[in-house]
Amino acid sequence: MHIVSPPPSKSRYDRMAPLAVLPVFFGLQGKRVIAIGGSEPATWKIELLAAAGAHVQVLAPVTEWCDELIALAETGASAGTISLVDCHWAPSDLSGAALAVADIEDDAEAFAFTEAARAAAVPYNVIDRPEFCQFQFGSIVNRSPIVVGISTNGAAPILGQAVRRRIETLLPQTLSTWAQLAQDIRGKVMAALEPGPQRRAFWERFTERAFTTQSEPVHLDDEIAAIAAAPPAGRVTLVGAGPGDADLLTIKAVRALQSADVILFDDLVSAEVLELARREAKRLLVGKRAARESCRQEDINAMMLNLARQGKHVVRLKSGDPMIFGRAGEEIEMLERHGIAVSVVPGITAALALASRLGVSLTHRDHAQSVRFVTGHSRQGVLPDTLNWQALSDPATTSVYYMSRRTLPAIVAQLEGQGMSLATPAIIAGNVGRADEQIWRGSLGQAVAAVTDFPLGAPTIFSVGDALNRPPFGAVAGNDARRDDEMLRLAPAPHPLDQQAS
């Protein structure tokens, strides 16, 4: 026999990073489980085991039974059974059990319990004693039959609970009903639809509805028949990737990435955003950058059209928001002209990301009553000749000029020519939201000299207006802080009912 061992060093072709533990989901329906101890921590594990359908036999002297355990035994578990036995445990009790869980503080007794479990070939866990555990309980998100388990391998339980709360917000409560329905109709779908694109098309539609509606489909048989009779229809989703931080993606954007067959992405899209895409999805770079060789828009349009005609779900992933200077209008018109279904998922545009980054309100009521997003160059690479410079020179309007690295001197000249003060606050920002982000703050008159420090190829925005005068986060003057404290002191006390609600 010839055995080939992998090299010890990590390869870029590795598909799975090291795991601290192996996540295994253990079926306990109808199986006998031993629980030793009657404390509150033991009661929580007992209820969890019974909810999984186990017949839990609790071994503990009656004097150790806590009120919660007694109440649980009296009311009964949501599934499975719970029986309380007034006794001390013995090694023979573990024989034939599927699992054994114990709440034992004494080291000698805990060691004896683990030895007995090993002898009986029963997986064991001593609650909150990882050195005496063969398996561990993690945090759980319950949308049964969908069950999500989270483990930190005992390193950070509070962090695991925080992860669970995040996941809870992503999974609607109705997902449990949809998952049960999927289980019920799986055989019918497999019999009616061919493996491959047909089945995938059906389950994608099913999943989309599971996450977007509160009710079950009422004509499921008709939908199965329709998909079986027609080839899968391709579609395109224009998705805003935001400024680069994956945490700023919308839930809908993540779902689109998870269902994509092909992703056409700009080179400004960060690796951490692409990491959220379905692993099997094909990824094609179609970036367009200033001062660099770029993929033509016509070629991008042709790729989207050809891939959609093959029945694929194409995600056109754009940095920022697709509807803000992202040429989305041209792409939508082309796709609709050829009968391709297209939808849009918004993202956070660079101007809003910058405002949040600095803590600057673009429409601060004391300084600005409107905001404008302005293109910094035309198709010819110069300032468009249709811009209304008289309106743009109003300092009570916050103007944000996109793609303005090369044209910034001309912008300043136009604004100065319309009478805008050179002392007007201004901000230049490049690569907003990325690791190589650059931000400069000063006045309109200083901006021309300052922009020379920004690379020609970096995506750059230029903001002008009185609202930008606010200091960045952490730089609020002490007088302002004292004023806010005084306002709080003079404010009326909250109503007791309001306090209770909070």
Protein backbone atom coordinates (compact mmCIF):
# COMPACT_ATOMS: atom_id res chain seq x y z
CA MET A 1 0.00 0.00 0.00
CA HIS A 2 1.31 3.43 -0.99
CA ILE A 3 0.38 6.20 1.47
CA VAL A 4 0.76 9.84 0.49
CA SER A 5 1.01 12.30 3.38
CA PRO A 6 0.28 16.00 2.85
CA PRO A 7 3.12 18.46 3.46
CA PRO A 8 3.13 19.94 6.99
CA SER A 9 3.18 23.55 5.82
CA LYS A 10 -0.06 25.31 4.97
CA SER A 11 -0.73 25.60 1.23
CA ARG A 12 -2.72 28.31 -0.49
CA TYR A 13 -4.87 25.49 -1.84
CA ASP A 14 -6.05 24.46 1.63
CA ARG A 15 -9.84 24.72 1.81
CA MET A 16 -10.28 24.31 5.56
CA ALA A 17 -8.42 26.12 8.32
CA PRO A 18 -7.62 24.19 11.52
CA LEU A 19 -10.61 23.46 13.78
CA ALA A 20 -10.40 23.73 17.56
CA VAL A 21 -13.24 21.20 17.79
CA LEU A 22 -15.28 19.16 15.32
CA PRO A 23 -18.90 20.38 15.15
CA VAL A 24 -20.99 17.21 15.28
CA PHE A 25 -24.78 17.13 15.64
CA PHE A 26 -25.83 14.17 17.80
CA GLY A 27 -29.23 12.53 17.24
CA LEU A 28 -30.84 11.66 20.60
CA GLN A 29 -34.42 10.94 19.60
CA GLY A 30 -35.71 8.11 21.80
CA LYS A 31 -32.30 7.41 23.36
CA ARG A 32 -31.45 7.05 27.04
CA VAL A 33 -29.25 9.77 28.57
CA ILE A 34 -27.92 9.87 32.11
CA ALA A 35 -27.77 13.18 34.01
CA ILE A 36 -26.10 13.26 37.42
CA GLY A 37 -27.00 16.13 39.75
CA GLY A 38 -30.07 18.29 40.39
CA SER A 39 -28.61 21.81 40.35
CA GLU A 40 -29.68 24.72 38.13
CA PRO A 41 -26.75 24.21 35.71
CA ALA A 42 -27.69 20.53 35.45
CA THR A 43 -31.36 21.47 34.87
CA TRP A 44 -30.45 23.59 31.84
CA LYS A 45 -28.54 20.68 30.28
CA ILE A 46 -31.37 18.27 31.17
CA GLU A 47 -33.95 20.47 29.44
CA LEU A 48 -31.67 20.77 26.39
CA LEU A 49 -31.19 16.99 26.16
CA ALA A 50 -34.91 16.33 26.52
CA ALA A 51 -35.69 18.96 23.85
CA ALA A 52 -33.58 16.84 21.49
CA GLY A 53 -35.93 13.90 22.14
CA ALA A 54 -33.85 12.01 24.70
CA HIS A 55 -35.22 10.01 27.63
CA VAL A 56 -33.25 11.71 30.42
CA GLN A 57 -32.77 9.78 33.64
CA VAL A 58 -31.70 12.15 36.44
CA LEU A 59 -29.75 10.52 39.27
CA ALA A 60 -29.42 12.66 42.43
CA PRO A 61 -30.54 12.61 46.06
CA VAL A 62 -33.87 14.40 46.46
CA THR A 63 -32.19 16.95 48.73
CA GLU A 64 -30.17 18.16 45.72
CA TRP A 65 -33.17 18.72 43.43
CA CYS A 66 -33.55 22.43 42.75
CA ASP A 67 -36.96 24.07 42.29
CA GLU A 68 -36.37 24.52 38.55
CA LEU A 69 -35.69 20.80 38.10
CA ILE A 70 -38.82 19.82 40.04
CA ALA A 71 -40.95 22.24 38.00
CA LEU A 72 -39.46 20.94 34.74
CA ALA A 73 -40.19 17.33 35.68
CA GLU A 74 -43.77 18.21 36.67
CA THR A 75 -44.59 20.18 33.51
CA GLY A 76 -42.72 17.86 31.16
CA ALA A 77 -40.20 18.68 28.45
CA SER A 78 -41.10 19.98 24.98
CA ALA A 79 -39.91 16.62 23.62
CA GLY A 80 -38.48 13.46 25.12
CA THR A 81 -38.99 12.58 28.80
CA ILE A 82 -37.45 13.39 32.17
CA SER A 83 -37.47 11.02 35.13
CA LEU A 84 -36.06 11.89 38.57
CA VAL A 85 -34.45 9.11 40.60
CA ASP A 86 -33.63 9.69 44.28
CA CYS A 87 -30.22 7.99 44.47
CA HIS A 88 -26.48 8.37 44.15
CA TRP A 89 -25.08 7.29 40.80
CA ALA A 90 -23.12 4.08 40.24
CA PRO A 91 -20.87 3.05 37.31
CA SER A 92 -23.42 0.43 36.26
CA ASP A 93 -25.99 3.23 35.63
CA LEU A 94 -24.02 4.35 32.57
CA SER A 95 -24.28 1.04 30.73
CA GLY A 96 -26.19 1.41 27.46
CA ALA A 97 -26.59 5.20 27.69
CA ALA A 98 -26.14 7.37 24.60
CA LEU A 99 -24.60 10.24 26.61
CA ALA A 100 -23.78 11.04 30.22
CA VAL A 101 -23.74 14.52 31.78
CA ALA A 102 -22.81 15.31 35.37
CA ASP A 103 -22.60 18.29 37.70
CA ILE A 104 -19.75 17.21 40.00
CA GLU A 105 -17.43 19.54 41.91
CA ASP A 106 -15.19 16.98 43.64
CA ASP A 107 -12.17 16.09 41.46
CA ALA A 108 -11.99 12.49 42.66
CA GLU A 109 -15.66 11.87 41.93
CA ALA A 110 -15.40 13.60 38.55
CA PHE A 111 -12.43 11.38 37.67
CA ALA A 112 -14.38 8.27 38.73
CA PHE A 113 -17.31 9.39 36.57
CA THR A 114 -15.12 9.82 33.48
CA GLU A 115 -13.47 6.42 34.05
CA ALA A 116 -16.86 4.75 34.33
CA ALA A 117 -18.07 6.50 31.15
CA ARG A 118 -14.98 5.39 29.24
CA ALA A 119 -15.46 1.81 30.41
CA ALA A 120 -19.06 1.91 29.21
CA ALA A 121 -18.07 3.61 25.90
CA VAL A 122 -20.39 6.53 26.69
CA PRO A 123 -19.49 10.12 25.67
CA TYR A 124 -19.32 12.26 28.82
CA ASN A 125 -19.42 15.86 30.01
CA VAL A 126 -18.84 17.31 33.47
CA ILE A 127 -20.57 20.70 33.50
CA ASP A 128 -18.14 23.66 33.52
CA ARG A 129 -15.17 21.29 33.95
CA PRO A 130 -13.54 21.11 30.47
CA GLU A 131 -10.72 18.91 31.79
CA PHE A 132 -13.36 16.23 32.47
CA CYS A 133 -15.25 16.57 29.18
CA GLN A 134 -15.19 14.41 26.07
CA PHE A 135 -17.65 16.76 24.36
CA GLN A 136 -18.91 20.28 25.06
CA PHE A 137 -22.18 22.16 24.82
CA GLY A 138 -22.13 25.33 22.73
CA SER A 139 -24.48 28.28 22.30
CA ILE A 140 -27.53 27.37 20.22
CA VAL A 141 -29.78 29.13 17.75
CA ASN A 142 -32.93 27.03 17.53
CA ARG A 143 -34.94 27.09 14.31
CA SER A 144 -35.47 23.36 14.42
CA PRO A 145 -35.08 21.37 12.22
CA ILE A 146 -32.42 24.02 11.54
CA VAL A 147 -30.11 24.16 14.56
CA VAL A 148 -27.01 26.37 14.70
CA GLY A 149 -24.32 25.50 17.24
CA ILE A 150 -21.55 27.91 18.28
CA SER A 151 -18.41 26.87 20.12
CA THR A 152 -15.40 28.81 21.36
CA ASN A 153 -13.81 25.61 22.70
CA GLY A 154 -14.29 26.96 26.20
CA ALA A 155 -12.02 29.95 25.53
CA ALA A 156 -14.64 32.71 25.49
CA PRO A 157 -18.23 31.68 26.38
CA ILE A 158 -19.42 35.31 26.51
CA LEU A 159 -18.09 35.85 22.98
CA GLY A 160 -19.96 32.73 21.86
CA GLN A 161 -23.17 34.16 23.29
CA ALA A 162 -22.57 37.43 21.41
CA VAL A 163 -22.15 35.47 18.17
CA ARG A 164 -25.41 33.66 18.90
CA ARG A 165 -27.23 36.98 19.31
CA ARG A 166 -25.87 38.17 15.97
CA ILE A 167 -27.08 35.03 14.22
CA GLU A 168 -30.48 35.28 15.92
CA THR A 169 -31.05 38.61 14.18
CA LEU A 170 -30.28 37.09 10.77
CA LEU A 171 -32.62 34.10 10.99
CA PRO A 172 -36.37 34.86 11.06
CA GLN A 173 -38.47 32.93 13.57
CA THR A 174 -40.59 31.57 10.70
CA LEU A 175 -37.54 29.77 9.32
CA SER A 176 -38.43 26.78 11.48
CA THR A 177 -41.74 26.34 9.65
CA TRP A 178 -40.09 26.67 6.24
CA ALA A 179 -37.38 24.16 7.16
CA GLN A 180 -40.02 21.65 8.25
CA LEU A 181 -41.89 22.23 4.98
CA ALA A 182 -38.68 21.63 3.00
CA GLN A 183 -38.24 18.36 4.84
CA ASP A 184 -41.80 17.33 3.99
CA ILE A 185 -41.60 18.09 0.25
CA ARG A 186 -38.01 16.97 -0.42
CA GLY A 187 -39.08 13.61 -1.83
CA LYS A 188 -41.68 15.22 -4.10
CA VAL A 189 -39.13 17.72 -5.45
CA MET A 190 -36.57 14.98 -6.13
CA ALA A 191 -39.17 12.93 -8.01
CA ALA A 192 -40.46 15.85 -10.10
CA LEU A 193 -37.26 17.72 -10.96
CA GLU A 194 -34.03 16.62 -12.63
CA PRO A 195 -30.80 16.87 -10.61
CA GLY A 196 -28.77 20.02 -11.26
CA PRO A 197 -30.14 23.37 -12.47
CA GLN A 198 -33.84 22.45 -12.12
CA ARG A 199 -33.64 21.43 -8.47
CA ARG A 200 -31.28 24.28 -7.64
CA ALA A 201 -33.65 26.79 -9.24
CA PHE A 202 -36.54 25.49 -7.17
CA TRP A 203 -34.64 25.51 -3.87
CA GLU A 204 -33.27 29.01 -4.53
CA ARG A 205 -36.81 30.31 -5.02
CA PHE A 206 -37.96 28.42 -1.95
CA THR A 207 -35.11 29.82 0.16
CA GLU A 208 -35.66 33.38 -1.06
CA ARG A 209 -39.29 33.20 0.02
CA ALA A 210 -38.36 31.64 3.35
CA PHE A 211 -36.32 34.72 4.19
CA THR A 212 -38.67 37.34 2.77
CA THR A 213 -42.22 36.25 3.62
CA GLN A 214 -44.10 35.32 6.77
CA SER A 215 -46.40 32.78 5.12
CA GLU A 216 -46.02 29.41 3.42
CA PRO A 217 -46.38 29.02 -0.38
CA VAL A 218 -49.94 28.08 -1.26
CA HIS A 219 -49.37 26.63 -4.75
CA LEU A 220 -46.23 24.57 -4.23
CA ASP A 221 -47.23 21.82 -6.67
CA ASP A 222 -47.77 24.42 -9.43
CA GLU A 223 -44.34 25.92 -8.78
CA ILE A 224 -42.63 22.52 -8.98
CA ALA A 225 -44.43 21.80 -12.27
CA ALA A 226 -43.52 25.21 -13.72
CA ILE A 227 -39.82 24.77 -12.96
CA ALA A 228 -39.86 21.23 -14.38
CA ALA A 229 -41.44 22.43 -17.63
CA ALA A 230 -39.12 25.37 -18.31
CA PRO A 231 -35.35 25.83 -18.30
CA PRO A 232 -34.04 27.78 -15.32
CA ALA A 233 -34.20 31.52 -15.89
CA GLY A 234 -31.07 33.52 -15.32
CA ARG A 235 -31.07 36.76 -13.41
CA VAL A 236 -28.72 39.55 -12.40
CA THR A 237 -28.45 41.26 -9.02
CA LEU A 238 -26.55 44.52 -8.72
CA VAL A 239 -25.12 44.53 -5.19
CA GLY A 240 -23.51 47.40 -3.33
CA ALA A 241 -20.40 46.19 -1.49
CA GLY A 242 -20.04 49.41 0.51
CA PRO A 243 -16.68 51.01 1.31
CA GLY A 244 -14.86 47.74 2.05
CA ASP A 245 -15.82 46.76 5.61
CA ALA A 246 -17.82 43.51 5.39
CA ASP A 247 -19.73 44.45 8.57
CA LEU A 248 -21.40 47.26 6.62
CA LEU A 249 -23.03 44.91 4.09
CA THR A 250 -26.81 44.60 4.26
CA ILE A 251 -28.34 41.25 5.12
CA LYS A 252 -29.88 41.19 1.64
CA ALA A 253 -26.43 41.68 0.08
CA VAL A 254 -25.05 38.69 2.01
CA ARG A 255 -27.98 36.55 0.86
CA ALA A 256 -27.36 37.55 -2.76
CA LEU A 257 -23.67 36.59 -2.45
CA GLN A 258 -24.66 33.28 -0.89
CA SER A 259 -26.97 32.40 -3.81
CA ALA A 260 -24.75 33.58 -6.70
CA ASP A 261 -23.45 31.29 -9.43
CA VAL A 262 -21.08 33.93 -10.81
CA ILE A 263 -19.78 37.16 -9.23
CA LEU A 264 -18.45 39.99 -11.38
CA PHE A 265 -16.64 42.26 -8.96
CA ASP A 266 -14.77 45.57 -9.02
CA ASP A 267 -11.17 45.59 -7.84
CA LEU A 268 -12.20 47.98 -5.06
CA VAL A 269 -14.27 45.21 -3.47
CA SER A 270 -12.43 43.91 -0.41
CA ALA A 271 -11.38 40.30 0.13
CA GLU A 272 -13.44 40.12 3.34
CA VAL A 273 -16.61 40.94 1.37
CA LEU A 274 -15.83 38.26 -1.24
CA GLU A 275 -15.24 35.80 1.60
CA LEU A 276 -18.98 35.93 2.34
CA ALA A 277 -19.86 34.60 -1.13
CA ARG A 278 -20.94 31.03 -1.84
CA ARG A 279 -17.80 28.94 -2.06
CA GLU A 280 -18.84 27.34 -5.36
CA ALA A 281 -19.51 30.69 -7.08
CA LYS A 282 -17.18 31.63 -9.94
CA ARG A 283 -15.51 35.01 -9.35
CA LEU A 284 -14.47 37.29 -12.21
CA LEU A 285 -12.59 40.58 -11.71
CA VAL A 286 -14.00 43.30 -13.97
CA GLY A 287 -12.53 46.35 -12.26
CA LYS A 288 -12.27 49.84 -13.72
CA ARG A 289 -9.68 52.17 -12.17
CA ALA A 290 -8.24 55.52 -13.10
CA ALA A 291 -4.75 55.44 -14.69
CA ARG A 292 -4.96 51.65 -15.08
CA GLU A 293 -5.96 49.21 -17.80
CA SER A 294 -9.67 48.56 -17.30
CA CYS A 295 -12.37 46.16 -18.39
CA ARG A 296 -14.65 47.91 -20.89
CA GLN A 297 -18.27 48.45 -19.88
CA GLU A 298 -19.38 46.80 -23.12
CA ASP A 299 -17.48 43.64 -22.17
CA ILE A 300 -19.04 43.62 -18.70
CA ASN A 301 -22.51 43.98 -20.22
CA ALA A 302 -21.83 41.10 -22.61
CA MET A 303 -20.62 38.86 -19.76
CA MET A 304 -23.69 39.55 -17.63
CA LEU A 305 -26.00 38.89 -20.57
CA ASN A 306 -24.31 35.64 -21.68
CA LEU A 307 -24.12 34.22 -18.16
CA ALA A 308 -27.74 35.09 -17.37
CA ARG A 309 -28.85 33.44 -20.64
CA GLN A 310 -27.16 30.26 -19.39
CA GLY A 311 -29.61 30.26 -16.47
CA LYS A 312 -27.13 31.53 -13.90
CA HIS A 313 -27.64 33.95 -11.03
CA VAL A 314 -25.11 36.69 -11.73
CA VAL A 315 -24.14 39.11 -8.97
CA ARG A 316 -22.58 42.34 -10.22
CA LEU A 317 -20.71 43.40 -7.08
CA LYS A 318 -19.86 47.11 -7.01
CA SER A 319 -18.02 49.09 -4.36
CA GLY A 320 -20.15 51.65 -2.56
CA ASP A 321 -23.72 51.86 -3.83
CA PRO A 322 -24.45 50.61 -7.38
CA MET A 323 -26.81 53.53 -8.07
CA ILE A 324 -24.27 56.26 -7.22
CA PHE A 325 -21.90 56.77 -10.17
CA GLY A 326 -21.73 53.01 -10.72
CA ARG A 327 -23.15 52.96 -14.27
CA ALA A 328 -25.99 50.82 -12.97
CA GLY A 329 -28.49 52.65 -15.15
CA GLU A 330 -26.75 51.47 -18.32
CA GLU A 331 -26.56 47.90 -17.08
CA ILE A 332 -30.21 47.82 -16.01
CA GLU A 333 -31.38 49.23 -19.35
CA MET A 334 -29.33 46.67 -21.29
CA LEU A 335 -30.55 43.70 -19.23
CA GLU A 336 -34.20 44.75 -19.37
CA ARG A 337 -33.92 45.29 -23.12
CA HIS A 338 -32.93 41.61 -23.46
CA GLY A 339 -35.58 40.34 -21.06
CA ILE A 340 -33.23 39.50 -18.17
CA ALA A 341 -34.64 39.92 -14.66
CA VAL A 342 -32.55 42.38 -12.68
CA SER A 343 -32.73 43.62 -9.09
CA VAL A 344 -30.65 46.02 -6.99
CA VAL A 345 -29.32 45.72 -3.45
CA PRO A 346 -28.13 49.10 -2.12
CA GLY A 347 -24.82 49.65 -0.37
CA ILE A 348 -23.16 52.40 1.66
CA THR A 349 -21.69 54.98 -0.70
CA ALA A 350 -18.29 56.57 -0.05
CA ALA A 351 -19.69 59.94 1.03
CA LEU A 352 -21.80 58.38 3.77
CA ALA A 353 -18.97 56.11 4.86
CA LEU A 354 -16.70 59.14 5.21
CA ALA A 355 -19.31 61.08 7.17
CA SER A 356 -19.73 58.16 9.59
CA ARG A 357 -15.98 57.66 9.84
CA LEU A 358 -15.45 61.28 10.94
CA GLY A 359 -18.69 61.80 12.83
CA VAL A 360 -19.67 64.63 10.48
CA SER A 361 -23.32 65.28 9.65
CA LEU A 362 -23.50 66.28 5.99
CA THR A 363 -26.79 68.09 6.69
CA HIS A 364 -26.12 69.59 10.11
CA ARG A 365 -29.12 71.87 10.61
CA ASP A 366 -26.94 74.77 11.75
CA HIS A 367 -24.78 74.67 8.60
CA ALA A 368 -26.36 72.81 5.66
CA GLN A 369 -29.86 72.28 4.37
CA SER A 370 -28.95 69.97 1.46
CA VAL A 371 -26.26 67.63 0.17
CA ARG A 372 -25.13 66.98 -3.40
CA PHE A 373 -23.23 64.03 -4.87
CA VAL A 374 -21.37 65.34 -7.93
CA THR A 375 -19.33 63.48 -10.54
CA GLY A 376 -15.75 64.72 -10.66
CA HIS A 377 -15.15 63.78 -14.29
CA SER A 378 -17.00 63.17 -17.53
CA ARG A 379 -16.46 60.37 -20.03
CA GLN A 380 -13.58 62.40 -21.41
CA GLY A 381 -11.86 62.47 -17.99
CA VAL A 382 -12.45 66.19 -17.40
CA LEU A 383 -15.10 68.13 -15.48
CA PRO A 384 -18.56 67.87 -17.07
CA ASP A 385 -19.56 71.12 -18.75
CA THR A 386 -23.15 70.82 -17.50
CA LEU A 387 -22.47 71.40 -13.80
CA ASN A 388 -24.22 74.37 -12.17
CA TRP A 389 -21.25 76.00 -10.43
CA GLN A 390 -23.32 78.87 -9.05
CA ALA A 391 -25.48 76.40 -7.09
CA LEU A 392 -22.46 74.30 -6.08
CA SER A 393 -20.71 77.34 -4.62
CA ASP A 394 -23.35 77.70 -1.87
CA PRO A 395 -21.53 76.87 1.42
CA ALA A 396 -24.88 75.88 3.01
CA THR A 397 -24.95 72.91 0.65
CA THR A 398 -22.50 70.08 1.34
CA SER A 399 -21.09 68.95 -1.99
CA VAL A 400 -19.22 65.68 -2.46
CA TYR A 401 -17.27 65.28 -5.71
CA TYR A 402 -16.63 61.66 -6.65
CA MET A 403 -13.64 60.52 -8.77
CA SER A 404 -12.06 63.93 -8.33
CA ARG A 405 -8.36 63.21 -7.86
CA ARG A 406 -7.30 64.68 -11.22
CA THR A 407 -9.96 67.38 -11.48
CA LEU A 408 -9.77 68.81 -7.95
CA PRO A 409 -7.75 71.92 -8.98
CA ALA A 410 -10.36 72.73 -11.63
CA ILE A 411 -13.18 72.24 -9.09
CA VAL A 412 -11.52 74.69 -6.68
CA ALA A 413 -11.02 77.22 -9.49
CA GLN A 414 -14.69 77.00 -10.50
CA LEU A 415 -15.91 77.44 -6.91
CA GLU A 416 -13.56 80.35 -6.26
CA GLY A 417 -14.72 81.93 -9.51
CA GLN A 418 -18.30 81.85 -8.24
CA GLY A 419 -17.29 83.65 -5.04
CA MET A 420 -16.99 80.74 -2.59
CA SER A 421 -14.65 81.66 0.25
CA LEU A 422 -11.29 79.86 0.21
CA ALA A 423 -11.74 79.40 3.98
CA THR A 424 -14.71 77.07 3.42
CA PRO A 425 -14.06 73.71 5.17
CA ALA A 426 -12.99 70.88 2.87
CA ILE A 427 -12.10 67.19 3.12
CA ILE A 428 -10.15 64.97 0.71
CA ALA A 429 -10.47 61.22 1.21
CA GLY A 430 -8.93 58.33 -0.71
CA ASN A 431 -9.69 54.61 -0.35
CA VAL A 432 -12.39 55.34 2.23
CA GLY A 433 -13.03 52.42 4.56
CA ARG A 434 -9.96 50.43 3.49
CA ALA A 435 -6.68 49.66 5.22
CA ASP A 436 -4.83 52.25 3.09
CA GLU A 437 -7.39 55.00 3.72
CA GLN A 438 -6.14 58.61 3.46
CA ILE A 439 -8.04 61.57 4.91
CA TRP A 440 -7.05 65.25 4.80
CA ARG A 441 -9.00 68.09 6.42
CA GLY A 442 -8.49 71.78 5.80
CA SER A 443 -9.90 74.63 3.73
CA LEU A 444 -10.86 75.02 0.10
CA GLY A 445 -7.81 77.20 -0.50
CA GLN A 446 -5.43 74.51 0.84
CA ALA A 447 -6.95 71.59 -1.06
CA VAL A 448 -5.03 71.97 -4.35
CA ALA A 449 -1.68 71.58 -2.60
CA ALA A 450 -2.95 68.79 -0.33
CA VAL A 451 -4.31 66.56 -3.12
CA THR A 452 -0.81 66.01 -4.53
CA ASP A 453 -0.20 63.59 -1.63
CA PHE A 454 -2.95 61.31 -2.91
CA PRO A 455 -2.09 58.60 -5.50
CA LEU A 456 -3.51 59.22 -8.97
CA GLY A 457 -5.03 55.73 -9.11
CA ALA A 458 -6.77 55.87 -5.72
CA PRO A 459 -10.56 56.39 -5.65
CA THR A 460 -10.79 59.91 -4.22
CA ILE A 461 -13.69 62.08 -3.09
CA PHE A 462 -13.59 65.80 -2.35
CA SER A 463 -16.11 67.34 0.07
CA VAL A 464 -16.81 71.05 0.51
CA GLY A 465 -19.24 72.95 2.76
CA ASP A 466 -19.71 74.65 6.11
CA ALA A 467 -21.13 71.46 7.68
CA LEU A 468 -17.65 69.90 7.49
CA ASN A 469 -16.35 72.26 10.14
CA ARG A 470 -17.17 69.84 12.97
CA PRO A 471 -14.12 68.35 14.76
CA PRO A 472 -13.61 64.61 14.26
CA PHE A 473 -14.66 62.03 16.85
CA GLY A 474 -12.97 62.55 20.21
CA ALA A 475 -12.16 66.21 19.60
CA VAL A 476 -15.26 67.87 21.08
CA ALA A 477 -14.30 70.87 23.22
CA GLY A 478 -14.71 70.66 26.97
CA ASN A 479 -17.17 73.58 26.97
CA ASP A 480 -19.46 71.62 24.63
CA ALA A 481 -19.30 68.59 26.92
CA ARG A 482 -20.11 70.72 29.95
CA ARG A 483 -23.01 72.30 28.06
CA ASP A 484 -24.40 68.85 27.26
CA ASP A 485 -24.06 67.83 30.93
CA GLU A 486 -25.98 70.96 31.94
CA MET A 487 -28.75 70.13 29.44
CA LEU A 488 -29.05 66.67 30.95
CA ARG A 489 -29.22 68.14 34.45
CA LEU A 490 -32.05 70.49 33.45
CA ALA A 491 -33.97 67.86 31.50
CA PRO A 492 -37.13 66.46 33.16
CA ALA A 493 -36.75 63.11 34.88
CA PRO A 494 -38.03 60.13 32.89
CA HIS A 495 -41.42 58.69 33.77
CA PRO A 496 -41.20 55.48 35.86
CA LEU A 497 -43.02 53.54 33.14
CA ASP A 498 -40.45 54.71 30.59
CA GLN A 499 -37.66 53.47 32.85
CA GLN A 500 -39.40 50.12 33.20
CA ALA A 501 -39.82 49.77 29.43
CA SER A 502 -36.15 50.42 28.82
